[in-house]
Amino acid sequence: MTRLSQPWRAALAALLLVSGPSAAQEKKDAGGSRPPGKAERAEKDDATYRQLETFARVLSYVENNYVEPPDRERLVYGAIQGMLDTLDPHTVFMPPDVFREMKIDTSGEWGGLGIEIARKNDRIVVVAPIDDTPAARAGLKAGDELVGIDGESTRGMDVGRAMQKMRGPAGGRVLLTIQRQGFTAPREIAIIRDHIRIVSVEGALYGGIGHVKVKNFQERTDQYLRKELDRLRGLNGGKELRGLVLDLRNNPGGLLDQAVAVSDRFLPGNLPIVSTRGRDGRNSTEERSKERDTEKNYPVVVLVNAGSASASEIVAGALQDHGRATLIGTPTFGKGSVQTVIELEDGSGLKLTIARYYTPKGRSIQERGITPDYVVPDEAGGKPGREAPREKDLQRHFRAEGSDEAVSQASTLKGPPENLVPWDVAAQLKDPPLKVALEYLNGLSAPGGRPPARAEGR
């Protein structure tokens, strides 16, 4: 029998040490559920040790007997990735180079194509191209399957590897092979990388009504939103806005604290925005609004679609639950889980799902998404985004919570608002949801204007 080498014995001991509950966790357990007894814990530790011993023994066999000298780092990273592949699709291991790029993402600047992707079974699919980036200008659409990148098949490729292949210095060429519904065969699209600097908030003014598009939730997004609202008020002659369209379509999410801050901007003080609940009561929190810096109580419409995910759904759910905004568009992506990012000693990173999040009324949007008050597809005559990939299409996703009746109610789609009055300011727009939103808000501020009846029971 091959004996374990000393390095593997040390690694095994370290793994066993970290696999047990930490002192902080034990303290938290003491304030909630009763921790397991010593005998039960010893039995679990013994079972864990046997499993880790098998793992270490396989590594030792490979290291000592494989036909070619193996790369130890690739072995260990591959083992970690394989372990996490048994969990939900948002728990991922990031080698140092991928982790560095992830940190760049939250700053809003990188070299690449500007495309959000996800893994669906063993395929890579487009969640959404980011506005005004090479991917968007090349015509990529939500639901496109990336069959290949620079001639390499993406079948079985993890998202981190795919992102890494598309990133790089501005001016470089990336050849994407795309399969789309309606294509008889995959097509190749050559895209030139650009320096992607996401300006997370952009706005325009339509007859005293603001339209602000929030592209993602990165560092300082709430600050950019405040500045943009002030700029629109300046364009409006210093007068308050008659209404606001908060556009979260194709916003894939981002930083939780920025989603909370944006929600807080439209809510009066001391209202719940989002709560999180982890296993056995751990990682349970509730974020509430504050009194300061609240916008005036002008009417708000939030635009959403299948590309609105995670942090976007937190904002949409909070404003919908409190009746602060009317939601127009198509059902959202349905990512109702919270991840924490842990930087490891070698520069790699672990993104770990630690909790589910809930809207102020206790709704979990996991798998089912948020249903808008009024359904208006992004394209005239289009379906409400059914072909776009959603959380429920991802392999190993968490199942929706709640009764079948609640799930059925949440999935009921209601048509667009009735009795909208055409408005010449919005007449030439080629964006159906935005046009409907502007006409809806204009009707509210017109003399004697009243909103169409909203759906109840949210």
Protein backbone atom coordinates (compact mmCIF):
# COMPACT_ATOMS: atom_id res chain seq x y z
CA MET A 1 0.00 0.00 0.00
CA THR A 2 1.31 3.43 -0.92
CA ARG A 3 1.96 5.52 2.18
CA LEU A 4 0.85 9.14 2.36
CA SER A 5 3.72 11.58 1.94
CA GLN A 6 4.43 14.05 4.70
CA PRO A 7 3.03 17.07 2.78
CA TRP A 8 -0.24 15.26 2.23
CA ARG A 9 -0.39 14.24 5.90
CA ALA A 10 0.03 17.90 6.89
CA ALA A 11 -2.61 18.96 4.38
CA LEU A 12 -4.97 16.31 5.67
CA ALA A 13 -4.53 17.49 9.25
CA ALA A 14 -5.19 21.08 8.18
CA LEU A 15 -8.32 20.05 6.27
CA LEU A 16 -9.63 18.18 9.29
CA LEU A 17 -8.93 21.18 11.50
CA VAL A 18 -10.86 23.63 9.33
CA SER A 19 -13.70 21.20 8.67
CA GLY A 20 -14.89 21.44 12.28
CA PRO A 21 -16.97 24.36 13.59
CA SER A 22 -15.07 27.53 14.39
CA ALA A 23 -15.15 29.17 17.77
CA ALA A 24 -17.21 31.99 16.30
CA GLN A 25 -19.71 29.52 14.91
CA GLU A 26 -19.95 27.73 18.25
CA LYS A 27 -20.64 31.03 19.97
CA LYS A 28 -23.38 31.78 17.47
CA ASP A 29 -24.85 28.34 17.97
CA ALA A 30 -24.92 28.95 21.71
CA GLY A 31 -27.22 31.90 21.16
CA GLY A 32 -29.57 29.90 18.96
CA SER A 33 -29.92 26.20 18.29
CA ARG A 34 -28.24 23.79 20.68
CA PRO A 35 -24.83 22.59 19.42
CA PRO A 36 -24.40 18.85 18.90
CA GLY A 37 -23.03 16.78 21.77
CA LYS A 38 -19.40 15.73 21.98
CA ALA A 39 -20.12 12.13 20.94
CA GLU A 40 -22.08 13.22 17.88
CA ARG A 41 -19.40 15.71 16.91
CA ALA A 42 -16.65 13.11 17.34
CA GLU A 43 -18.56 10.70 15.12
CA LYS A 44 -18.93 13.35 12.40
CA ASP A 45 -15.24 14.29 12.68
CA ASP A 46 -14.28 10.63 12.34
CA ALA A 47 -16.40 10.24 9.20
CA THR A 48 -14.93 13.44 7.77
CA TYR A 49 -11.42 12.21 8.51
CA ARG A 50 -12.04 8.94 6.65
CA GLN A 51 -13.36 10.81 3.62
CA LEU A 52 -10.47 13.26 3.62
CA GLU A 53 -8.02 10.39 3.98
CA THR A 54 -9.45 8.83 0.82
CA PHE A 55 -9.10 12.18 -0.94
CA ALA A 56 -5.49 12.61 0.18
CA ARG A 57 -4.64 9.02 -0.73
CA VAL A 58 -5.91 9.52 -4.31
CA LEU A 59 -3.80 12.66 -4.61
CA SER A 60 -0.80 10.72 -3.35
CA TYR A 61 -1.35 7.89 -5.86
CA VAL A 62 -1.60 10.38 -8.72
CA GLU A 63 1.46 12.33 -7.58
CA ASN A 64 3.61 9.21 -7.18
CA ASN A 65 2.40 6.94 -10.00
CA TYR A 66 0.81 8.94 -12.81
CA VAL A 67 2.47 8.36 -16.20
CA GLU A 68 3.68 11.98 -16.37
CA PRO A 69 4.61 14.37 -13.55
CA PRO A 70 1.33 16.12 -12.64
CA ASP A 71 0.90 19.80 -11.87
CA ARG A 72 0.11 19.79 -8.15
CA GLU A 73 -1.61 23.19 -8.25
CA ARG A 74 -3.90 22.10 -11.09
CA LEU A 75 -4.70 18.90 -9.20
CA VAL A 76 -5.70 20.73 -6.05
CA TYR A 77 -7.61 23.50 -7.85
CA GLY A 78 -9.38 20.89 -9.97
CA ALA A 79 -10.34 18.93 -6.85
CA ILE A 80 -11.75 22.06 -5.22
CA GLN A 81 -13.70 22.96 -8.35
CA GLY A 82 -15.07 19.43 -8.58
CA MET A 83 -16.22 19.61 -4.97
CA LEU A 84 -18.02 22.91 -5.55
CA ASP A 85 -19.61 21.59 -8.75
CA THR A 86 -21.83 19.45 -6.51
CA LEU A 87 -23.32 22.64 -4.98
CA ASP A 88 -25.41 25.47 -6.45
CA PRO A 89 -24.25 27.24 -9.65
CA HIS A 90 -23.28 30.44 -7.82
CA THR A 91 -20.76 28.77 -5.49
CA VAL A 92 -17.49 28.86 -7.40
CA PHE A 93 -13.75 28.66 -6.87
CA MET A 94 -11.65 31.29 -8.63
CA PRO A 95 -7.94 30.76 -9.29
CA PRO A 96 -5.82 33.88 -8.64
CA ASP A 97 -6.09 35.27 -12.19
CA VAL A 98 -9.88 34.83 -12.31
CA PHE A 99 -10.26 36.26 -8.80
CA ARG A 100 -8.30 39.36 -9.78
CA GLU A 101 -10.67 39.90 -12.70
CA MET A 102 -13.70 39.46 -10.45
CA LYS A 103 -12.42 42.26 -8.21
CA ILE A 104 -11.92 44.43 -11.30
CA ASP A 105 -15.57 43.82 -12.26
CA THR A 106 -16.88 45.49 -9.12
CA SER A 107 -14.76 48.57 -9.84
CA GLY A 108 -16.45 48.90 -13.24
CA GLU A 109 -13.34 48.87 -15.48
CA TRP A 110 -11.71 46.06 -17.47
CA GLY A 111 -10.67 45.01 -20.95
CA GLY A 112 -13.12 42.70 -22.67
CA LEU A 113 -16.42 42.34 -24.51
CA GLY A 114 -19.03 43.40 -21.92
CA ILE A 115 -21.09 40.24 -21.67
CA GLU A 116 -22.76 38.48 -18.73
CA ILE A 117 -22.85 34.70 -19.06
CA ALA A 118 -24.04 31.69 -17.07
CA ARG A 119 -23.70 27.93 -17.25
CA LYS A 120 -26.83 26.04 -18.33
CA ASN A 121 -26.26 22.30 -18.00
CA ASP A 122 -22.93 21.85 -19.82
CA ARG A 123 -23.39 24.91 -22.04
CA ILE A 124 -22.45 28.59 -21.69
CA VAL A 125 -25.33 30.97 -22.43
CA VAL A 126 -25.63 34.74 -22.58
CA VAL A 127 -27.61 36.26 -19.70
CA ALA A 128 -27.32 39.78 -21.12
CA PRO A 129 -24.90 41.94 -23.10
CA ILE A 130 -24.08 45.10 -21.17
CA ASP A 131 -25.31 48.24 -22.91
CA ASP A 132 -22.87 50.18 -25.09
CA THR A 133 -20.15 47.51 -25.09
CA PRO A 134 -18.61 45.48 -27.96
CA ALA A 135 -20.93 42.54 -27.20
CA ALA A 136 -24.05 44.73 -27.42
CA ARG A 137 -22.86 46.47 -30.58
CA ALA A 138 -22.13 43.09 -32.20
CA GLY A 139 -25.77 42.10 -31.69
CA LEU A 140 -25.43 39.41 -29.02
CA LYS A 141 -28.74 38.64 -27.30
CA ALA A 142 -29.92 37.06 -24.07
CA GLY A 143 -30.33 33.34 -24.62
CA ASP A 144 -27.55 33.01 -27.19
CA GLU A 145 -25.43 29.92 -26.64
CA LEU A 146 -21.66 30.37 -26.79
CA VAL A 147 -20.63 27.22 -28.66
CA GLY A 148 -16.98 28.20 -28.87
CA ILE A 149 -14.47 30.90 -27.97
CA ASP A 150 -11.47 31.35 -30.28
CA GLY A 151 -12.06 27.91 -31.73
CA GLU A 152 -12.22 26.12 -28.36
CA SER A 153 -15.49 24.36 -27.55
CA THR A 154 -17.25 25.64 -24.45
CA ARG A 155 -19.03 22.35 -23.72
CA GLY A 156 -18.28 21.57 -20.09
CA MET A 157 -16.26 24.80 -19.69
CA ASP A 158 -16.80 26.65 -16.41
CA VAL A 159 -17.91 30.28 -16.43
CA GLY A 160 -14.64 31.56 -14.95
CA ARG A 161 -12.61 29.99 -17.76
CA ALA A 162 -14.96 31.39 -20.40
CA MET A 163 -14.76 34.89 -18.90
CA GLN A 164 -10.98 34.64 -18.76
CA LYS A 165 -10.79 33.77 -22.46
CA MET A 166 -12.92 36.77 -23.42
CA ARG A 167 -11.01 39.24 -21.23
CA GLY A 168 -7.81 40.89 -22.34
CA PRO A 169 -6.24 44.11 -23.57
CA ALA A 170 -8.37 46.47 -25.65
CA GLY A 171 -7.85 45.98 -29.38
CA GLY A 172 -7.55 42.21 -29.21
CA ARG A 173 -9.85 40.06 -31.32
CA VAL A 174 -12.14 37.37 -29.90
CA LEU A 175 -13.93 34.92 -32.17
CA LEU A 176 -17.24 33.76 -30.69
CA THR A 177 -19.24 30.88 -32.15
CA ILE A 178 -22.92 31.55 -31.49
CA GLN A 179 -25.99 29.32 -31.70
CA ARG A 180 -29.34 31.12 -31.55
CA GLN A 181 -32.93 30.01 -31.92
CA GLY A 182 -33.69 30.34 -35.62
CA PHE A 183 -30.10 29.69 -36.74
CA THR A 184 -29.74 26.59 -38.91
CA ALA A 185 -26.09 26.29 -37.81
CA PRO A 186 -23.74 28.09 -35.40
CA ARG A 187 -22.33 31.38 -36.66
CA GLU A 188 -18.97 32.98 -35.96
CA ILE A 189 -18.82 36.58 -34.78
CA ALA A 190 -15.49 38.38 -34.47
CA ILE A 191 -15.52 41.06 -31.75
CA ILE A 192 -12.74 43.48 -30.86
CA ARG A 193 -12.12 43.93 -27.15
CA ASP A 194 -12.52 47.40 -25.78
CA HIS A 195 -11.67 49.12 -22.52
CA ILE A 196 -14.94 48.49 -20.70
CA ARG A 197 -15.72 51.24 -18.28
CA ILE A 198 -19.24 50.78 -17.08
CA VAL A 199 -20.91 54.05 -16.21
CA SER A 200 -23.43 52.33 -14.00
CA VAL A 201 -26.08 55.09 -14.17
CA GLU A 202 -27.29 57.06 -17.18
CA GLY A 203 -30.37 59.25 -17.51
CA ALA A 204 -32.58 61.33 -19.80
CA LEU A 205 -35.50 63.71 -19.33
CA TYR A 206 -38.86 63.39 -21.10
CA GLY A 207 -41.21 66.29 -20.47
CA GLY A 208 -40.34 66.54 -16.79
CA ILE A 209 -40.24 62.76 -16.26
CA GLY A 210 -36.85 61.18 -15.65
CA HIS A 211 -35.56 57.94 -17.15
CA VAL A 212 -32.56 56.54 -15.26
CA LYS A 213 -30.94 53.30 -16.35
CA VAL A 214 -28.90 51.49 -13.69
CA LYS A 215 -26.70 49.03 -15.59
CA ASN A 216 -25.25 47.17 -12.61
CA PHE A 217 -24.57 47.60 -8.90
CA GLN A 218 -20.89 48.36 -8.49
CA GLU A 219 -18.96 50.59 -6.15
CA ARG A 220 -20.58 54.05 -5.80
CA THR A 221 -23.68 53.22 -7.88
CA ASP A 222 -25.92 54.97 -5.35
CA GLN A 223 -23.72 58.07 -5.50
CA TYR A 224 -23.95 58.09 -9.29
CA LEU A 225 -27.74 57.72 -9.04
CA ARG A 226 -28.02 60.72 -6.72
CA LYS A 227 -25.87 62.85 -9.04
CA GLU A 228 -27.91 61.81 -12.08
CA LEU A 229 -31.20 62.65 -10.38
CA ASP A 230 -29.81 66.07 -9.44
CA ARG A 231 -28.66 66.57 -13.05
CA LEU A 232 -32.14 65.74 -14.36
CA ARG A 233 -33.69 68.19 -11.90
CA GLY A 234 -31.30 70.82 -13.27
CA LEU A 235 -32.43 70.06 -16.82
CA ASN A 236 -36.00 70.39 -15.54
CA GLY A 237 -35.38 74.01 -14.60
CA GLY A 238 -34.60 73.16 -11.00
CA LYS A 239 -38.10 71.78 -10.46
CA GLU A 240 -38.86 68.38 -8.97
CA LEU A 241 -39.43 65.51 -11.39
CA ARG A 242 -43.01 64.64 -12.31
CA GLY A 243 -42.07 61.00 -12.12
CA LEU A 244 -39.20 58.57 -12.65
CA VAL A 245 -38.61 55.45 -14.72
CA LEU A 246 -35.96 53.39 -12.89
CA ASP A 247 -34.70 51.02 -15.58
CA LEU A 248 -33.20 47.77 -14.25
CA ARG A 249 -33.54 45.74 -17.44
CA ASN A 250 -30.51 43.54 -18.21
CA ASN A 251 -28.96 44.58 -14.90
CA PRO A 252 -27.26 41.38 -13.67
CA GLY A 253 -26.86 42.60 -10.10
CA GLY A 254 -23.65 43.22 -8.18
CA LEU A 255 -22.99 44.59 -4.72
CA LEU A 256 -25.69 44.01 -2.11
CA ASP A 257 -24.93 47.17 -0.17
CA GLN A 258 -25.51 49.28 -3.27
CA ALA A 259 -28.86 47.59 -3.93
CA VAL A 260 -29.85 48.43 -0.36
CA ALA A 261 -28.69 52.05 -0.77
CA VAL A 262 -30.62 52.52 -4.02
CA SER A 263 -33.78 51.07 -2.46
CA ASP A 264 -33.28 53.28 0.61
CA ARG A 265 -33.18 56.37 -1.62
CA PHE A 266 -36.87 55.90 -2.50
CA LEU A 267 -38.21 54.69 0.85
CA PRO A 268 -39.01 56.59 4.06
CA GLY A 269 -37.13 55.60 7.19
CA ASN A 270 -37.24 52.36 9.16
CA LEU A 271 -38.81 50.13 6.52
CA PRO A 272 -37.41 46.66 5.75
CA ILE A 273 -35.58 46.43 2.43
CA VAL A 274 -34.25 42.87 2.37
CA SER A 275 -33.62 40.09 4.86
CA THR A 276 -31.28 37.13 4.59
CA ARG A 277 -31.54 33.73 6.23
CA GLY A 278 -28.79 31.14 6.27
CA ARG A 279 -28.54 27.60 7.61
CA ASP A 280 -29.49 27.08 11.26
CA GLY A 281 -30.09 30.80 11.73
CA ARG A 282 -26.59 31.84 10.64
CA ASN A 283 -25.99 34.81 8.32
CA SER A 284 -29.47 36.13 9.13
CA THR A 285 -29.76 39.87 8.73
CA GLU A 286 -32.31 42.55 7.94
CA GLU A 287 -31.53 45.80 6.15
CA ARG A 288 -33.84 48.74 6.83
CA SER A 289 -34.19 52.16 5.27
CA LYS A 290 -32.86 55.33 6.90
CA GLU A 291 -34.46 58.75 7.19
CA ARG A 292 -31.76 60.75 5.40
CA ASP A 293 -31.47 61.53 1.68
CA THR A 294 -34.89 60.19 0.72
CA GLU A 295 -36.26 61.31 -2.66
CA LYS A 296 -39.55 63.20 -2.82
CA ASN A 297 -42.65 61.04 -3.15
CA TYR A 298 -43.03 61.38 -6.93
CA PRO A 299 -44.42 58.33 -8.77
CA VAL A 300 -41.90 55.68 -9.84
CA VAL A 301 -42.02 52.91 -12.44
CA VAL A 302 -39.37 50.17 -12.35
CA LEU A 303 -38.63 48.40 -15.63
CA VAL A 304 -37.48 44.75 -15.36
CA ASN A 305 -36.94 41.75 -17.63
CA ALA A 306 -35.32 38.31 -17.59
CA GLY A 307 -31.89 39.94 -17.42
CA SER A 308 -32.74 41.69 -14.13
CA ALA A 309 -31.07 39.53 -11.50
CA SER A 310 -29.97 39.40 -7.87
CA ALA A 311 -29.39 42.97 -6.63
CA SER A 312 -31.84 44.26 -9.26
CA GLU A 313 -34.49 41.93 -7.91
CA ILE A 314 -33.82 43.16 -4.37
CA VAL A 315 -34.54 46.75 -5.45
CA ALA A 316 -37.58 45.80 -7.52
CA GLY A 317 -39.00 43.58 -4.77
CA ALA A 318 -38.52 46.19 -2.03
CA LEU A 319 -40.17 49.01 -4.00
CA GLN A 320 -43.00 46.73 -5.14
CA ASP A 321 -43.72 45.34 -1.66
CA HIS A 322 -43.94 48.82 -0.15
CA GLY A 323 -46.12 50.12 -3.00
CA ARG A 324 -43.46 52.72 -3.79
CA ALA A 325 -43.18 51.74 -7.46
CA THR A 326 -45.14 50.06 -10.23
CA LEU A 327 -43.22 47.29 -12.02
CA ILE A 328 -43.50 47.03 -15.80
CA GLY A 329 -41.76 44.54 -18.09
CA THR A 330 -41.32 40.77 -17.94
CA PRO A 331 -40.56 38.37 -15.04
CA THR A 332 -37.07 38.66 -13.62
CA PHE A 333 -34.22 36.13 -13.53
CA GLY A 334 -35.00 34.57 -10.14
CA LYS A 335 -31.68 34.56 -8.25
CA GLY A 336 -32.64 34.68 -4.59
CA SER A 337 -29.36 33.65 -2.95
CA VAL A 338 -26.60 35.61 -1.23
CA GLN A 339 -22.90 34.99 -1.81
CA THR A 340 -19.90 36.00 0.23
CA VAL A 341 -16.44 36.30 -1.36
CA ILE A 342 -13.46 34.93 0.57
CA GLU A 343 -9.89 35.69 -0.50
CA LEU A 344 -7.57 32.76 0.15
CA GLU A 345 -3.89 32.81 1.07
CA ASP A 346 -2.57 32.07 -2.43
CA GLY A 347 -4.59 34.87 -4.06
CA SER A 348 -7.42 32.62 -5.18
CA GLY A 349 -11.01 33.27 -4.13
CA LEU A 350 -14.11 31.42 -3.04
CA LYS A 351 -17.58 32.74 -3.79
CA LEU A 352 -19.82 30.84 -1.39
CA THR A 353 -23.62 30.86 -1.15
CA ILE A 354 -24.41 31.50 2.51
CA ALA A 355 -28.08 32.51 2.62
CA ARG A 356 -31.32 33.14 0.77
CA TYR A 357 -32.73 36.63 0.64
CA TYR A 358 -36.34 37.72 1.05
CA THR A 359 -38.31 40.81 0.08
CA PRO A 360 -39.94 42.95 2.80
CA LYS A 361 -43.10 40.82 2.68
CA GLY A 362 -41.09 37.64 3.10
CA ARG A 363 -41.14 36.59 -0.55
CA SER A 364 -38.33 34.43 -1.82
CA ILE A 365 -37.87 35.08 -5.51
CA GLN A 366 -35.55 32.08 -5.93
CA GLU A 367 -36.30 30.24 -9.19
CA ARG A 368 -39.61 32.06 -9.84
CA GLY A 369 -38.37 35.66 -10.08
CA ILE A 370 -40.43 38.78 -9.49
CA THR A 371 -43.61 39.19 -11.51
CA PRO A 372 -44.18 42.76 -12.74
CA ASP A 373 -47.51 44.49 -12.14
CA TYR A 374 -47.92 44.88 -15.90
CA VAL A 375 -46.32 42.69 -18.56
CA VAL A 376 -44.83 44.52 -21.54
CA PRO A 377 -42.24 42.56 -23.59
CA ASP A 378 -39.03 44.32 -24.64
CA GLU A 379 -39.92 43.93 -28.31
CA ALA A 380 -43.26 44.85 -29.83
CA GLY A 381 -45.36 41.74 -30.32
CA GLY A 382 -42.81 39.64 -28.43
CA LYS A 383 -43.37 37.05 -25.77
CA PRO A 384 -42.65 37.99 -22.13
CA GLY A 385 -39.06 36.82 -22.21
CA ARG A 386 -39.76 33.08 -21.96
CA GLU A 387 -36.79 32.12 -24.15
CA ALA A 388 -34.23 34.04 -22.12
CA PRO A 389 -32.27 31.93 -19.60
CA ARG A 390 -33.29 32.22 -15.98
CA GLU A 391 -32.21 30.79 -12.66
CA LYS A 392 -34.60 27.86 -13.07
CA ASP A 393 -32.67 26.83 -16.21
CA LEU A 394 -29.32 26.59 -14.41
CA GLN A 395 -28.00 23.23 -13.30
CA ARG A 396 -28.21 22.51 -9.53
CA HIS A 397 -30.18 25.69 -8.75
CA PHE A 398 -32.08 25.92 -5.46
CA ARG A 399 -35.76 25.09 -5.71
CA ALA A 400 -38.41 27.72 -4.98
CA GLU A 401 -39.75 27.91 -1.46
CA GLY A 402 -43.42 28.17 -0.50
CA SER A 403 -46.57 26.37 -1.49
CA ASP A 404 -47.53 25.42 -5.03
CA GLU A 405 -50.33 27.98 -4.77
CA ALA A 406 -47.83 30.74 -3.98
CA VAL A 407 -45.62 29.70 -6.87
CA SER A 408 -48.64 29.62 -9.21
CA GLN A 409 -49.77 33.06 -8.07
CA ALA A 410 -46.29 34.50 -8.54
CA SER A 411 -46.08 33.12 -12.08
CA THR A 412 -49.42 34.59 -13.21
CA LEU A 413 -48.72 37.17 -15.89
CA LYS A 414 -50.99 40.22 -16.19
CA GLY A 415 -51.27 42.27 -19.35
CA PRO A 416 -50.20 45.90 -19.91
CA PRO A 417 -52.03 48.83 -18.31
CA GLU A 418 -55.32 49.72 -19.93
CA ASN A 419 -56.59 53.12 -21.04
CA LEU A 420 -53.16 54.66 -21.50
CA VAL A 421 -53.33 58.07 -23.16
CA PRO A 422 -50.80 58.47 -26.03
CA TRP A 423 -48.18 61.13 -25.32
CA ASP A 424 -46.39 62.90 -28.16
CA VAL A 425 -43.13 63.07 -26.16
CA ALA A 426 -42.99 59.26 -26.10
CA ALA A 427 -44.62 58.61 -29.47
CA GLN A 428 -41.38 58.05 -31.44
CA LEU A 429 -39.73 55.69 -28.97
CA LYS A 430 -38.92 52.20 -30.27
CA ASP A 431 -38.72 50.81 -26.73
CA PRO A 432 -42.19 49.45 -25.81
CA PRO A 433 -41.72 49.15 -22.01
CA LEU A 434 -40.19 52.63 -21.74
CA LYS A 435 -42.96 54.11 -23.90
CA VAL A 436 -45.65 52.49 -21.73
CA ALA A 437 -43.90 53.62 -18.54
CA LEU A 438 -43.70 57.24 -19.69
CA GLU A 439 -47.33 57.31 -20.81
CA TYR A 440 -48.36 55.73 -17.50
CA LEU A 441 -46.47 58.35 -15.46
CA ASN A 442 -47.65 61.21 -17.66
CA GLY A 443 -51.24 60.08 -17.07
CA LEU A 444 -50.69 60.20 -13.31
CA SER A 445 -49.54 63.82 -13.36
CA ALA A 446 -52.11 65.04 -15.88
CA PRO A 447 -55.08 66.98 -14.47
CA GLY A 448 -57.40 64.43 -12.90
CA GLY A 449 -54.98 61.70 -13.84
CA ARG A 450 -55.43 58.36 -12.12
CA PRO A 451 -53.38 55.21 -12.51
CA PRO A 452 -54.94 52.09 -14.03
CA ALA A 453 -55.90 49.56 -11.36
CA ARG A 454 -52.82 47.77 -9.98
CA ALA A 455 -52.63 44.11 -9.14
CA GLU A 456 -53.14 43.41 -5.44
CA GLY A 457 -51.73 40.81 -3.09
CA ARG A 458 -48.06 41.46 -3.73
